């Protein structure tokens, strides 16, 4: 599969969103609301809920007012989660049937109006089979990735503004997960892809041996004849070659994964705690309430960035298959209006 430019991946992602909107607009609206509710509920508890409780306790607020605040928050959260559960367990499963029927129906209708000679073209046939490869799941997944990224970015702003209001220097720690995911994570993924690409020929050999050995027919004859030694030698040689490939790249993977983990988790968590503790105990510029909020907000901010990175990777992967579907659907019909073959 040849590489696809970022612009094409971007267009394919919004093509998937447009396609899903054309089939089921309410599905798109529900997905957007569910993602917004999830991230903004998380942001609210991380940045505001804890701060109010600590501040209220420190200021000696009436116990009844605190209990009322908690009760209202719990009631609103319960209603929102009830809606999320309804969408995930009722709306989406029922709507999946309509989405699958419509999207696959368009692809099959397209195939009906093409000449048979089209399917004799190996390039077109490969493109057509890739367009059919789990298309509906990929379309809904890409749409979900888009809403996840947008909701995470908006909710992340709340966390970063909160950190900025506590201490402007705290935003410097946000750069650590960015370096960890987008620099070292990308480098680790590239090395992982090299391992996959170089191991592919040997994976095919071991897969071939497995398929032959699992055959019910002639299983006894294969194991009692000399062909078994040939197959075992082929399997052992392929396994040794795969070990050599992994060994050749293991140092690069270890280094990049170490720095990805260190920058993504260690620096932002331990670094922020050390800096916050210094400001609270030495310089006295941060209060106990700020420290409490900081511990929850930094976790929220880190995982928001990680979530955005993961969703970008998933959208990129699924966007490749959506691009194949777009390419397949732009073929001009040779038999317009045909009822089928």
C-alpha atoms as a PDB file:
ATOM      1  CA  UNK A   1       0.000   0.000   0.000  1.00  0.00           C
ATOM      2  CA  UNK A   2       1.590   3.227  -1.093  1.00  0.00           C
ATOM      3  CA  UNK A   3       1.925   6.179   1.246  1.00  0.00           C
ATOM      4  CA  UNK A   4      -0.879   8.742   1.227  1.00  0.00           C
ATOM      5  CA  UNK A   5      -0.245  12.401   1.828  1.00  0.00           C
ATOM      6  CA  UNK A   6      -1.491  14.086   4.993  1.00  0.00           C
ATOM      7  CA  UNK A   7      -3.848  16.301   2.965  1.00  0.00           C
ATOM      8  CA  UNK A   8      -5.511  13.211   1.497  1.00  0.00           C
ATOM      9  CA  UNK A   9      -5.836  11.672   4.964  1.00  0.00           C
ATOM     10  CA  UNK A  10      -7.381  14.915   6.202  1.00  0.00           C
ATOM     11  CA  UNK A  11      -9.858  15.004   3.310  1.00  0.00           C
ATOM     12  CA  UNK A  12     -10.685  11.316   3.787  1.00  0.00           C
ATOM     13  CA  UNK A  13     -11.464  11.850   7.478  1.00  0.00           C
ATOM     14  CA  UNK A  14     -13.963  14.607   6.721  1.00  0.00           C
ATOM     15  CA  UNK A  15     -15.303  12.576   3.797  1.00  0.00           C
ATOM     16  CA  UNK A  16     -16.119   9.839   6.330  1.00  0.00           C
ATOM     17  CA  UNK A  17     -17.832  12.380   8.587  1.00  0.00           C
ATOM     18  CA  UNK A  18     -19.829  13.761   5.642  1.00  0.00           C
ATOM     19  CA  UNK A  19     -20.758  10.231   4.567  1.00  0.00           C
ATOM     20  CA  UNK A  20     -22.009   9.361   8.052  1.00  0.00           C
ATOM     21  CA  UNK A  21     -23.956  12.636   8.249  1.00  0.00           C
ATOM     22  CA  UNK A  22     -25.666  11.800   4.961  1.00  0.00           C
ATOM     23  CA  UNK A  23     -26.742   8.406   6.296  1.00  0.00           C
ATOM     24  CA  UNK A  24     -27.654   9.373   9.869  1.00  0.00           C
ATOM     25  CA  UNK A  25     -27.399  13.015  11.032  1.00  0.00           C
ATOM     26  CA  UNK A  26     -28.655  12.129  14.516  1.00  0.00           C
ATOM     27  CA  UNK A  27     -25.801   9.623  14.882  1.00  0.00           C
ATOM     28  CA  UNK A  28     -23.275  12.407  14.263  1.00  0.00           C
ATOM     29  CA  UNK A  29     -24.992  14.745  16.757  1.00  0.00           C
ATOM     30  CA  UNK A  30     -25.136  12.032  19.440  1.00  0.00           C
ATOM     31  CA  UNK A  31     -21.450  11.148  18.928  1.00  0.00           C
ATOM     32  CA  UNK A  32     -20.440  14.806  19.254  1.00  0.00           C
ATOM     33  CA  UNK A  33     -22.472  15.282  22.448  1.00  0.00           C
ATOM     34  CA  UNK A  34     -21.186  12.066  24.046  1.00  0.00           C
ATOM     35  CA  UNK A  35     -17.569  13.073  23.469  1.00  0.00           C
ATOM     36  CA  UNK A  36     -18.158  16.612  24.742  1.00  0.00           C
ATOM     37  CA  UNK A  37     -19.900  15.313  27.853  1.00  0.00           C
ATOM     38  CA  UNK A  38     -17.093  12.868  28.582  1.00  0.00           C
ATOM     39  CA  UNK A  39     -14.250  15.352  28.325  1.00  0.00           C
ATOM     40  CA  UNK A  40     -15.964  18.331  29.936  1.00  0.00           C
ATOM     41  CA  UNK A  41     -17.189  16.219  32.853  1.00  0.00           C
ATOM     42  CA  UNK A  42     -13.601  15.107  33.357  1.00  0.00           C
ATOM     43  CA  UNK A  43     -12.384  18.715  33.082  1.00  0.00           C
ATOM     44  CA  UNK A  44     -15.012  19.930  35.563  1.00  0.00           C
ATOM     45  CA  UNK A  45     -14.086  17.371  38.227  1.00  0.00           C
ATOM     46  CA  UNK A  46     -10.358  17.967  37.688  1.00  0.00           C
ATOM     47  CA  UNK A  47     -10.354  21.765  37.663  1.00  0.00           C
ATOM     48  CA  UNK A  48     -13.434  23.022  39.542  1.00  0.00           C
ATOM     49  CA  UNK A  49     -15.056  20.373  41.729  1.00  0.00           C
ATOM     50  CA  UNK A  50     -11.987  19.613  43.846  1.00  0.00           C
ATOM     51  CA  UNK A  51     -11.015  23.292  44.140  1.00  0.00           C
ATOM     52  CA  UNK A  52     -14.477  24.253  45.441  1.00  0.00           C
ATOM     53  CA  UNK A  53     -14.442  21.494  48.064  1.00  0.00           C
ATOM     54  CA  UNK A  54     -10.965  22.348  49.380  1.00  0.00           C
ATOM     55  CA  UNK A  55     -11.652  26.086  49.354  1.00  0.00           C
ATOM     56  CA  UNK A  56     -15.013  25.606  51.096  1.00  0.00           C
ATOM     57  CA  UNK A  57     -13.454  23.453  53.820  1.00  0.00           C
ATOM     58  CA  UNK A  58     -10.572  25.883  54.326  1.00  0.00           C
ATOM     59  CA  UNK A  59     -12.910  28.872  54.564  1.00  0.00           C
ATOM     60  CA  UNK A  60     -15.245  27.116  57.009  1.00  0.00           C
ATOM     61  CA  UNK A  61     -18.304  27.015  54.730  1.00  0.00           C
ATOM     62  CA  UNK A  62     -21.477  25.471  56.218  1.00  0.00           C
ATOM     63  CA  UNK A  63     -21.577  21.700  55.956  1.00  0.00           C
ATOM     64  CA  UNK A  64     -25.074  21.808  54.446  1.00  0.00           C
ATOM     65  CA  UNK A  65     -23.910  24.038  51.570  1.00  0.00           C
ATOM     66  CA  UNK A  66     -21.079  21.604  50.742  1.00  0.00           C
ATOM     67  CA  UNK A  67     -23.449  18.617  50.802  1.00  0.00           C
ATOM     68  CA  UNK A  68     -25.936  20.476  48.584  1.00  0.00           C
ATOM     69  CA  UNK A  69     -23.181  21.303  46.089  1.00  0.00           C
ATOM     70  CA  UNK A  70     -22.069  17.659  45.959  1.00  0.00           C
ATOM     71  CA  UNK A  71     -25.677  16.453  45.593  1.00  0.00           C
ATOM     72  CA  UNK A  72     -26.368  18.826  42.668  1.00  0.00           C
ATOM     73  CA  UNK A  73     -23.143  17.811  40.901  1.00  0.00           C
ATOM     74  CA  UNK A  74     -23.885  14.095  41.398  1.00  0.00           C
ATOM     75  CA  UNK A  75     -27.469  14.519  40.106  1.00  0.00           C
ATOM     76  CA  UNK A  76     -26.380  16.401  36.962  1.00  0.00           C
ATOM     77  CA  UNK A  77     -23.572  13.918  36.305  1.00  0.00           C
ATOM     78  CA  UNK A  78     -25.975  10.997  36.712  1.00  0.00           C
ATOM     79  CA  UNK A  79     -28.381  12.491  34.146  1.00  0.00           C
ATOM     80  CA  UNK A  80     -25.550  13.072  31.683  1.00  0.00           C
ATOM     81  CA  UNK A  81     -24.226   9.532  32.134  1.00  0.00           C
ATOM     82  CA  UNK A  82     -27.746   8.168  31.686  1.00  0.00           C
ATOM     83  CA  UNK A  83     -27.868   9.910  28.304  1.00  0.00           C
ATOM     84  CA  UNK A  84     -24.422   8.548  27.382  1.00  0.00           C
ATOM     85  CA  UNK A  85     -25.495   5.015  28.330  1.00  0.00           C
ATOM     86  CA  UNK A  86     -28.688   5.397  26.270  1.00  0.00           C
ATOM     87  CA  UNK A  87     -26.715   6.495  23.208  1.00  0.00           C
ATOM     88  CA  UNK A  88     -24.058   3.776  23.493  1.00  0.00           C
ATOM     89  CA  UNK A  89     -26.436   0.907  24.271  1.00  0.00           C
ATOM     90  CA  UNK A  90     -29.614   1.840  22.386  1.00  0.00           C
ATOM     91  CA  UNK A  91     -29.137   4.497  19.715  1.00  0.00           C
ATOM     92  CA  UNK A  92     -25.832   3.351  18.206  1.00  0.00           C
ATOM     93  CA  UNK A  93     -26.564  -0.432  18.028  1.00  0.00           C
ATOM     94  CA  UNK A  94     -29.913   0.230  16.297  1.00  0.00           C
ATOM     95  CA  UNK A  95     -28.439   2.884  14.023  1.00  0.00           C
ATOM     96  CA  UNK A  96     -25.543   0.582  13.029  1.00  0.00           C
ATOM     97  CA  UNK A  97     -27.969  -1.512  10.977  1.00  0.00           C
ATOM     98  CA  UNK A  98     -29.038   1.521   8.947  1.00  0.00           C
ATOM     99  CA  UNK A  99     -25.476   2.755   8.491  1.00  0.00           C
ATOM    100  CA  UNK A 100     -24.179  -0.640   7.371  1.00  0.00           C
ATOM    101  CA  UNK A 101     -27.085  -1.130   4.972  1.00  0.00           C
ATOM    102  CA  UNK A 102     -26.689   2.292   3.370  1.00  0.00           C
ATOM    103  CA  UNK A 103     -22.896   2.358   2.989  1.00  0.00           C
ATOM    104  CA  UNK A 104     -22.502  -1.195   1.724  1.00  0.00           C
ATOM    105  CA  UNK A 105     -25.564  -0.713  -0.461  1.00  0.00           C
ATOM    106  CA  UNK A 106     -23.847   2.190  -2.230  1.00  0.00           C
ATOM    107  CA  UNK A 107     -20.715   0.140  -2.813  1.00  0.00           C
ATOM    108  CA  UNK A 108     -22.628  -2.853  -4.167  1.00  0.00           C
ATOM    109  CA  UNK A 109     -24.775  -0.589  -6.340  1.00  0.00           C
ATOM    110  CA  UNK A 110     -21.597   0.906  -7.732  1.00  0.00           C
ATOM    111  CA  UNK A 111     -20.303  -2.571  -8.516  1.00  0.00           C
ATOM    112  CA  UNK A 112     -23.537  -3.507 -10.311  1.00  0.00           C
ATOM    113  CA  UNK A 113     -23.085  -0.707 -12.831  1.00  0.00           C
ATOM    114  CA  UNK A 114     -19.497  -1.554 -13.748  1.00  0.00           C
ATOM    115  CA  UNK A 115     -18.452  -3.778 -16.623  1.00  0.00           C
ATOM    116  CA  UNK A 116     -17.022  -7.182 -15.760  1.00  0.00           C
ATOM    117  CA  UNK A 117     -13.741  -6.170 -17.367  1.00  0.00           C
ATOM    118  CA  UNK A 118     -13.216  -3.771 -14.476  1.00  0.00           C
ATOM    119  CA  UNK A 119     -12.951  -6.696 -12.067  1.00  0.00           C
ATOM    120  CA  UNK A 120     -10.379  -8.364 -14.303  1.00  0.00           C
ATOM    121  CA  UNK A 121      -8.111  -5.402 -13.592  1.00  0.00           C
ATOM    122  CA  UNK A 122      -6.106  -6.519 -10.545  1.00  0.00           C
ATOM    123  CA  UNK A 123      -5.398  -2.925  -9.449  1.00  0.00           C
ATOM    124  CA  UNK A 124      -9.099  -1.992  -9.448  1.00  0.00           C
ATOM    125  CA  UNK A 125     -10.136  -5.261  -7.798  1.00  0.00           C
ATOM    126  CA  UNK A 126      -7.604  -4.774  -4.994  1.00  0.00           C
ATOM    127  CA  UNK A 127      -8.924  -1.248  -4.537  1.00  0.00           C
ATOM    128  CA  UNK A 128     -12.510  -2.498  -4.473  1.00  0.00           C
ATOM    129  CA  UNK A 129     -11.818  -5.225  -1.888  1.00  0.00           C
ATOM    130  CA  UNK A 130     -10.000  -2.693   0.320  1.00  0.00           C
ATOM    131  CA  UNK A 131     -13.028  -0.399   0.033  1.00  0.00           C
ATOM    132  CA  UNK A 132     -15.183  -3.246   1.367  1.00  0.00           C
ATOM    133  CA  UNK A 133     -12.761  -4.085   4.168  1.00  0.00           C
ATOM    134  CA  UNK A 134     -14.699  -3.196   7.327  1.00  0.00           C
ATOM    135  CA  UNK A 135     -15.740   0.127   5.795  1.00  0.00           C
ATOM    136  CA  UNK A 136     -18.601   0.920   8.163  1.00  0.00           C
ATOM    137  CA  UNK A 137     -16.549   0.345  11.282  1.00  0.00           C
ATOM    138  CA  UNK A 138     -13.789   2.547   9.893  1.00  0.00           C
ATOM    139  CA  UNK A 139     -16.217   5.324   8.888  1.00  0.00           C
ATOM    140  CA  UNK A 140     -17.790   5.478  12.357  1.00  0.00           C
ATOM    141  CA  UNK A 141     -14.356   5.148  13.972  1.00  0.00           C
ATOM    142  CA  UNK A 142     -12.935   8.092  11.991  1.00  0.00           C
ATOM    143  CA  UNK A 143     -15.957  10.217  12.898  1.00  0.00           C
ATOM    144  CA  UNK A 144     -15.444   9.292  16.541  1.00  0.00           C
ATOM    145  CA  UNK A 145     -11.739  10.176  16.272  1.00  0.00           C
ATOM    146  CA  UNK A 146     -12.598  13.643  14.922  1.00  0.00           C
ATOM    147  CA  UNK A 147     -15.006  14.378  17.776  1.00  0.00           C
ATOM    148  CA  UNK A 148     -12.553  12.971  20.314  1.00  0.00           C
ATOM    149  CA  UNK A 149      -9.809  15.276  19.064  1.00  0.00           C
ATOM    150  CA  UNK A 150     -12.074  18.349  19.016  1.00  0.00           C
ATOM    151  CA  UNK A 151     -13.597  17.650  22.450  1.00  0.00           C
ATOM    152  CA  UNK A 152     -10.193  16.854  23.965  1.00  0.00           C
ATOM    153  CA  UNK A 153      -8.675  20.045  22.554  1.00  0.00           C
ATOM    154  CA  UNK A 154     -11.522  22.201  23.898  1.00  0.00           C
ATOM    155  CA  UNK A 155     -11.499  20.535  27.310  1.00  0.00           C
ATOM    156  CA  UNK A 156      -7.705  20.690  27.372  1.00  0.00           C
ATOM    157  CA  UNK A 157      -7.900  24.473  27.066  1.00  0.00           C
ATOM    158  CA  UNK A 158      -9.810  24.510  30.366  1.00  0.00           C
ATOM    159  CA  UNK A 159      -7.031  22.548  32.040  1.00  0.00           C
ATOM    160  CA  UNK A 160      -4.256  24.691  30.603  1.00  0.00           C
ATOM    161  CA  UNK A 161      -6.011  27.945  31.561  1.00  0.00           C
ATOM    162  CA  UNK A 162      -6.400  26.606  35.097  1.00  0.00           C
ATOM    163  CA  UNK A 163      -2.702  25.762  35.243  1.00  0.00           C
ATOM    164  CA  UNK A 164      -1.819  29.185  33.807  1.00  0.00           C
ATOM    165  CA  UNK A 165      -3.910  30.934  36.473  1.00  0.00           C
ATOM    166  CA  UNK A 166      -2.129  29.004  39.222  1.00  0.00           C
ATOM    167  CA  UNK A 167       1.386  29.621  37.863  1.00  0.00           C
ATOM    168  CA  UNK A 168       2.472  30.564  34.340  1.00  0.00           C
ATOM    169  CA  UNK A 169       5.585  28.364  34.586  1.00  0.00           C
ATOM    170  CA  UNK A 170       3.416  25.275  34.850  1.00  0.00           C
ATOM    171  CA  UNK A 171       2.649  25.422  31.116  1.00  0.00           C
ATOM    172  CA  UNK A 172       6.278  24.565  30.388  1.00  0.00           C
ATOM    173  CA  UNK A 173       5.621  21.075  31.743  1.00  0.00           C
ATOM    174  CA  UNK A 174       2.911  20.597  29.102  1.00  0.00           C
ATOM    175  CA  UNK A 175       5.659  20.480  26.459  1.00  0.00           C
ATOM    176  CA  UNK A 176       6.926  17.206  27.913  1.00  0.00           C
ATOM    177  CA  UNK A 177       3.980  15.002  26.764  1.00  0.00           C
ATOM    178  CA  UNK A 178       4.101  16.717  23.367  1.00  0.00           C
ATOM    179  CA  UNK A 179       7.738  15.736  22.954  1.00  0.00           C
ATOM    180  CA  UNK A 180       7.055  12.277  24.300  1.00  0.00           C
ATOM    181  CA  UNK A 181       4.149  11.475  21.981  1.00  0.00           C
ATOM    182  CA  UNK A 182       4.813  13.424  18.816  1.00  0.00           C
ATOM    183  CA  UNK A 183       8.624  13.177  18.700  1.00  0.00           C
ATOM    184  CA  UNK A 184       9.790  10.042  20.481  1.00  0.00           C
ATOM    185  CA  UNK A 185       6.488   8.229  19.942  1.00  0.00           C
ATOM    186  CA  UNK A 186       6.728   8.867  16.205  1.00  0.00           C
ATOM    187  CA  UNK A 187      10.343   7.708  16.094  1.00  0.00           C
ATOM    188  CA  UNK A 188       9.417   4.525  17.992  1.00  0.00           C
ATOM    189  CA  UNK A 189       6.544   3.884  15.558  1.00  0.00           C
ATOM    190  CA  UNK A 190       8.895   4.256  12.586  1.00  0.00           C
ATOM    191  CA  UNK A 191      11.286   1.689  14.026  1.00  0.00           C
ATOM    192  CA  UNK A 192       8.327  -0.591  14.767  1.00  0.00           C
ATOM    193  CA  UNK A 193       7.213  -0.287  11.156  1.00  0.00           C
ATOM    194  CA  UNK A 194      10.729  -1.198   9.973  1.00  0.00           C
ATOM    195  CA  UNK A 195      10.568  -4.342  12.119  1.00  0.00           C
ATOM    196  CA  UNK A 196       7.155  -5.205  10.686  1.00  0.00           C
ATOM    197  CA  UNK A 197       8.277  -4.573   7.090  1.00  0.00           C
ATOM    198  CA  UNK A 198      11.515  -6.583   7.386  1.00  0.00           C
ATOM    199  CA  UNK A 199       9.749  -9.431   9.215  1.00  0.00           C
ATOM    200  CA  UNK A 200       6.918  -9.734   6.675  1.00  0.00           C
ATOM    201  CA  UNK A 201       8.638 -12.298   4.368  1.00  0.00           C
ATOM    202  CA  UNK A 202       9.458 -14.510   7.348  1.00  0.00           C
ATOM    203  CA  UNK A 203       5.968 -14.091   8.821  1.00  0.00           C
ATOM    204  CA  UNK A 204       4.553 -15.376   5.542  1.00  0.00           C
ATOM    205  CA  UNK A 205       6.749 -18.465   5.732  1.00  0.00           C
ATOM    206  CA  UNK A 206       5.726 -19.294   9.292  1.00  0.00           C
ATOM    207  CA  UNK A 207       2.072 -18.629   8.420  1.00  0.00           C
ATOM    208  CA  UNK A 208       2.369 -20.971   5.446  1.00  0.00           C
ATOM    209  CA  UNK A 209       3.821 -23.747   7.626  1.00  0.00           C
ATOM    210  CA  UNK A 210       1.074 -23.233  10.206  1.00  0.00           C
ATOM    211  CA  UNK A 211      -1.643 -23.487   7.564  1.00  0.00           C
ATOM    212  CA  UNK A 212      -0.156 -26.699   6.186  1.00  0.00           C
ATOM    213  CA  UNK A 213       0.344 -28.274   9.609  1.00  0.00           C
ATOM    214  CA  UNK A 214      -3.204 -27.473  10.709  1.00  0.00           C
ATOM    215  CA  UNK A 215      -4.759 -29.218   7.719  1.00  0.00           C
ATOM    216  CA  UNK A 216      -7.044 -32.034   8.820  1.00  0.00           C
ATOM    217  CA  UNK A 217      -6.457 -33.932   5.599  1.00  0.00           C
ATOM    218  CA  UNK A 218      -3.140 -35.748   5.287  1.00  0.00           C
ATOM    219  CA  UNK A 219      -2.075 -34.613   8.783  1.00  0.00           C
ATOM    220  CA  UNK A 220      -0.700 -38.053   9.607  1.00  0.00           C
ATOM    221  CA  UNK A 221       1.088 -38.446   6.269  1.00  0.00           C
ATOM    222  CA  UNK A 222       2.752 -35.009   6.586  1.00  0.00           C
ATOM    223  CA  UNK A 223       4.110 -35.733  10.041  1.00  0.00           C
ATOM    224  CA  UNK A 224       5.414 -39.199   9.142  1.00  0.00           C
ATOM    225  CA  UNK A 225       7.128 -38.183   5.895  1.00  0.00           C
ATOM    226  CA  UNK A 226      10.269 -36.237   5.059  1.00  0.00           C
ATOM    227  CA  UNK A 227       8.183 -33.186   4.143  1.00  0.00           C
ATOM    228  CA  UNK A 228       7.704 -32.603   7.878  1.00  0.00           C
ATOM    229  CA  UNK A 229      11.470 -32.080   8.293  1.00  0.00           C
ATOM    230  CA  UNK A 230      11.443 -29.634   5.380  1.00  0.00           C
ATOM    231  CA  UNK A 231       8.565 -27.668   6.876  1.00  0.00           C
ATOM    232  CA  UNK A 232      10.128 -27.643  10.330  1.00  0.00           C
ATOM    233  CA  UNK A 233      13.438 -26.428   8.921  1.00  0.00           C
ATOM    234  CA  UNK A 234      11.596 -23.691   6.982  1.00  0.00           C
ATOM    235  CA  UNK A 235       9.753 -22.658  10.158  1.00  0.00           C
ATOM    236  CA  UNK A 236      12.905 -22.655  12.296  1.00  0.00           C
ATOM    237  CA  UNK A 237      14.856 -20.630   9.726  1.00  0.00           C
ATOM    238  CA  UNK A 238      12.065 -18.044   9.433  1.00  0.00           C
ATOM    239  CA  UNK A 239      11.843 -17.753  13.234  1.00  0.00           C
ATOM    240  CA  UNK A 240      15.585 -17.196  13.508  1.00  0.00           C
ATOM    241  CA  UNK A 241      15.424 -14.484  10.863  1.00  0.00           C
ATOM    242  CA  UNK A 242      12.599 -12.720  12.735  1.00  0.00           C
ATOM    243  CA  UNK A 243      14.674 -12.815  15.912  1.00  0.00           C
ATOM    244  CA  UNK A 244      17.593 -11.254  14.008  1.00  0.00           C
ATOM    245  CA  UNK A 245      15.345  -8.465  12.708  1.00  0.00           C
ATOM    246  CA  UNK A 246      14.081  -7.632  16.194  1.00  0.00           C
ATOM    247  CA  UNK A 247      17.615  -7.852  17.619  1.00  0.00           C
ATOM    248  CA  UNK A 248      18.899  -5.435  14.967  1.00  0.00           C
ATOM    249  CA  UNK A 249      16.359  -2.748  15.932  1.00  0.00           C
ATOM    250  CA  UNK A 250      15.908  -3.475  19.644  1.00  0.00           C
ATOM    251  CA  UNK A 251      18.239  -0.716  20.839  1.00  0.00           C
ATOM    252  CA  UNK A 252      16.402   1.971  18.854  1.00  0.00           C
ATOM    253  CA  UNK A 253      13.003   0.812  20.106  1.00  0.00           C
ATOM    254  CA  UNK A 254      14.203   0.677  23.712  1.00  0.00           C
ATOM    255  CA  UNK A 255      15.697   4.189  23.587  1.00  0.00           C
ATOM    256  CA  UNK A 256      12.708   5.842  21.903  1.00  0.00           C
ATOM    257  CA  UNK A 257      10.163   4.040  24.103  1.00  0.00           C
ATOM    258  CA  UNK A 258      12.118   5.011  27.232  1.00  0.00           C
ATOM    259  CA  UNK A 259      12.136   8.706  26.310  1.00  0.00           C
ATOM    260  CA  UNK A 260       8.501   8.544  25.189  1.00  0.00           C
ATOM    261  CA  UNK A 261       7.455   7.166  28.585  1.00  0.00           C
ATOM    262  CA  UNK A 262       9.805   9.498  30.509  1.00  0.00           C
ATOM    263  CA  UNK A 263       8.595  12.672  28.807  1.00  0.00           C
ATOM    264  CA  UNK A 264       4.935  11.634  28.657  1.00  0.00           C
ATOM    265  CA  UNK A 265       4.494  10.542  32.268  1.00  0.00           C
ATOM    266  CA  UNK A 266       7.490  11.061  34.565  1.00  0.00           C
ATOM    267  CA  UNK A 267       8.300  14.713  33.839  1.00  0.00           C
ATOM    268  CA  UNK A 268       4.748  16.040  33.936  1.00  0.00           C
ATOM    269  CA  UNK A 269       3.734  14.106  37.066  1.00  0.00           C
ATOM    270  CA  UNK A 270       6.853  14.128  39.232  1.00  0.00           C
ATOM    271  CA  UNK A 271       8.087  17.432  37.769  1.00  0.00           C
ATOM    272  CA  UNK A 272       4.849  19.257  38.468  1.00  0.00           C
ATOM    273  CA  UNK A 273       4.607  17.842  41.981  1.00  0.00           C
ATOM    274  CA  UNK A 274       8.169  18.889  42.806  1.00  0.00           C
ATOM    275  CA  UNK A 275       7.647  22.376  41.386  1.00  0.00           C
ATOM    276  CA  UNK A 276       4.263  22.732  43.098  1.00  0.00           C
ATOM    277  CA  UNK A 277       5.709  21.567  46.393  1.00  0.00           C
ATOM    278  CA  UNK A 278       8.534  24.076  46.087  1.00  0.00           C
ATOM    279  CA  UNK A 279       6.081  26.931  45.404  1.00  0.00           C
ATOM    280  CA  UNK A 280       3.820  25.905  48.288  1.00  0.00           C
ATOM    281  CA  UNK A 281       6.492  25.243  50.936  1.00  0.00           C
ATOM    282  CA  UNK A 282       9.325  27.596  49.989  1.00  0.00           C
ATOM    283  CA  UNK A 283       8.049  30.584  48.007  1.00  0.00           C
ATOM    284  CA  UNK A 284       4.481  30.373  49.422  1.00  0.00           C
ATOM    285  CA  UNK A 285       3.027  31.388  46.029  1.00  0.00           C
ATOM    286  CA  UNK A 286       0.625  28.420  45.748  1.00  0.00           C
ATOM    287  CA  UNK A 287      -2.060  27.509  48.285  1.00  0.00           C
ATOM    288  CA  UNK A 288      -3.116  24.043  49.455  1.00  0.00           C
ATOM    289  CA  UNK A 289      -6.227  24.296  47.279  1.00  0.00           C
ATOM    290  CA  UNK A 290      -4.040  25.072  44.255  1.00  0.00           C
ATOM    291  CA  UNK A 291      -1.815  22.068  44.982  1.00  0.00           C
ATOM    292  CA  UNK A 292      -4.887  19.823  45.183  1.00  0.00           C
ATOM    293  CA  UNK A 293      -6.219  21.146  41.897  1.00  0.00           C
ATOM    294  CA  UNK A 294      -2.786  20.871  40.317  1.00  0.00           C
ATOM    295  CA  UNK A 295      -2.487  17.147  41.059  1.00  0.00           C
ATOM    296  CA  UNK A 296      -5.765  16.422  39.272  1.00  0.00           C
ATOM    297  CA  UNK A 297      -5.364  18.932  36.436  1.00  0.00           C
ATOM    298  CA  UNK A 298      -1.889  17.717  35.499  1.00  0.00           C
ATOM    299  CA  UNK A 299      -3.210  14.160  35.163  1.00  0.00           C
ATOM    300  CA  UNK A 300      -6.098  15.426  33.058  1.00  0.00           C
ATOM    301  CA  UNK A 301      -3.821  17.544  30.832  1.00  0.00           C
ATOM    302  CA  UNK A 302      -1.374  14.680  30.272  1.00  0.00           C
ATOM    303  CA  UNK A 303      -4.016  12.140  29.313  1.00  0.00           C
ATOM    304  CA  UNK A 304      -5.786  14.650  27.060  1.00  0.00           C
ATOM    305  CA  UNK A 305      -2.584  15.032  25.039  1.00  0.00           C
ATOM    306  CA  UNK A 306      -2.082  11.274  24.966  1.00  0.00           C
ATOM    307  CA  UNK A 307      -5.690  10.817  23.833  1.00  0.00           C
ATOM    308  CA  UNK A 308      -5.280  13.356  21.040  1.00  0.00           C
ATOM    309  CA  UNK A 309      -2.105  11.610  19.840  1.00  0.00           C
ATOM    310  CA  UNK A 310      -3.784   8.175  19.898  1.00  0.00           C
ATOM    311  CA  UNK A 311      -6.840   9.451  18.030  1.00  0.00           C
ATOM    312  CA  UNK A 312      -4.641  11.103  15.401  1.00  0.00           C
ATOM    313  CA  UNK A 313      -2.857   7.784  14.839  1.00  0.00           C
ATOM    314  CA  UNK A 314      -6.160   5.883  14.582  1.00  0.00           C
ATOM    315  CA  UNK A 315      -7.631   8.476  12.222  1.00  0.00           C
ATOM    316  CA  UNK A 316      -4.508   8.256  10.078  1.00  0.00           C
ATOM    317  CA  UNK A 317      -4.697   4.465   9.906  1.00  0.00           C
ATOM    318  CA  UNK A 318      -8.435   4.329   9.162  1.00  0.00           C
ATOM    319  CA  UNK A 319      -8.141   7.289   6.792  1.00  0.00           C
ATOM    320  CA  UNK A 320      -6.000   5.145   4.498  1.00  0.00           C
ATOM    321  CA  UNK A 321      -8.876   2.713   3.988  1.00  0.00           C
ATOM    322  CA  UNK A 322     -11.407   5.529   3.635  1.00  0.00           C
ATOM    323  CA  UNK A 323      -9.171   6.978   0.913  1.00  0.00           C
ATOM    324  CA  UNK A 324      -9.398   3.636  -0.914  1.00  0.00           C
ATOM    325  CA  UNK A 325     -13.164   3.771  -0.673  1.00  0.00           C
ATOM    326  CA  UNK A 326     -13.244   7.306  -2.102  1.00  0.00           C
ATOM    327  CA  UNK A 327     -10.970   6.235  -4.945  1.00  0.00           C
ATOM    328  CA  UNK A 328     -13.194   3.274  -5.706  1.00  0.00           C
ATOM    329  CA  UNK A 329     -16.393   5.315  -5.715  1.00  0.00           C
ATOM    330  CA  UNK A 330     -15.117   7.944  -8.161  1.00  0.00           C
ATOM    331  CA  UNK A 331     -14.815   5.379 -10.966  1.00  0.00           C
ATOM    332  CA  UNK A 332     -17.211   6.276 -13.730  1.00  0.00           C
ATOM    333  CA  UNK A 333     -20.041   3.802 -14.156  1.00  0.00           C
ATOM    334  CA  UNK A 334     -19.889   1.931 -17.446  1.00  0.00           C
ATOM    335  CA  UNK A 335     -23.486   0.737 -17.266  1.00  0.00           C
ATOM    336  CA  UNK A 336     -25.491   3.677 -15.881  1.00  0.00           C
ATOM    337  CA  UNK A 337     -28.971   2.721 -14.819  1.00  0.00           C
ATOM    338  CA  UNK A 338     -28.217  -0.990 -15.004  1.00  0.00           C
ATOM    339  CA  UNK A 339     -30.300  -3.153 -12.715  1.00  0.00           C
ATOM    340  CA  UNK A 340     -27.372  -5.439 -12.043  1.00  0.00           C
ATOM    341  CA  UNK A 341     -25.567  -8.351 -13.604  1.00  0.00           C
END
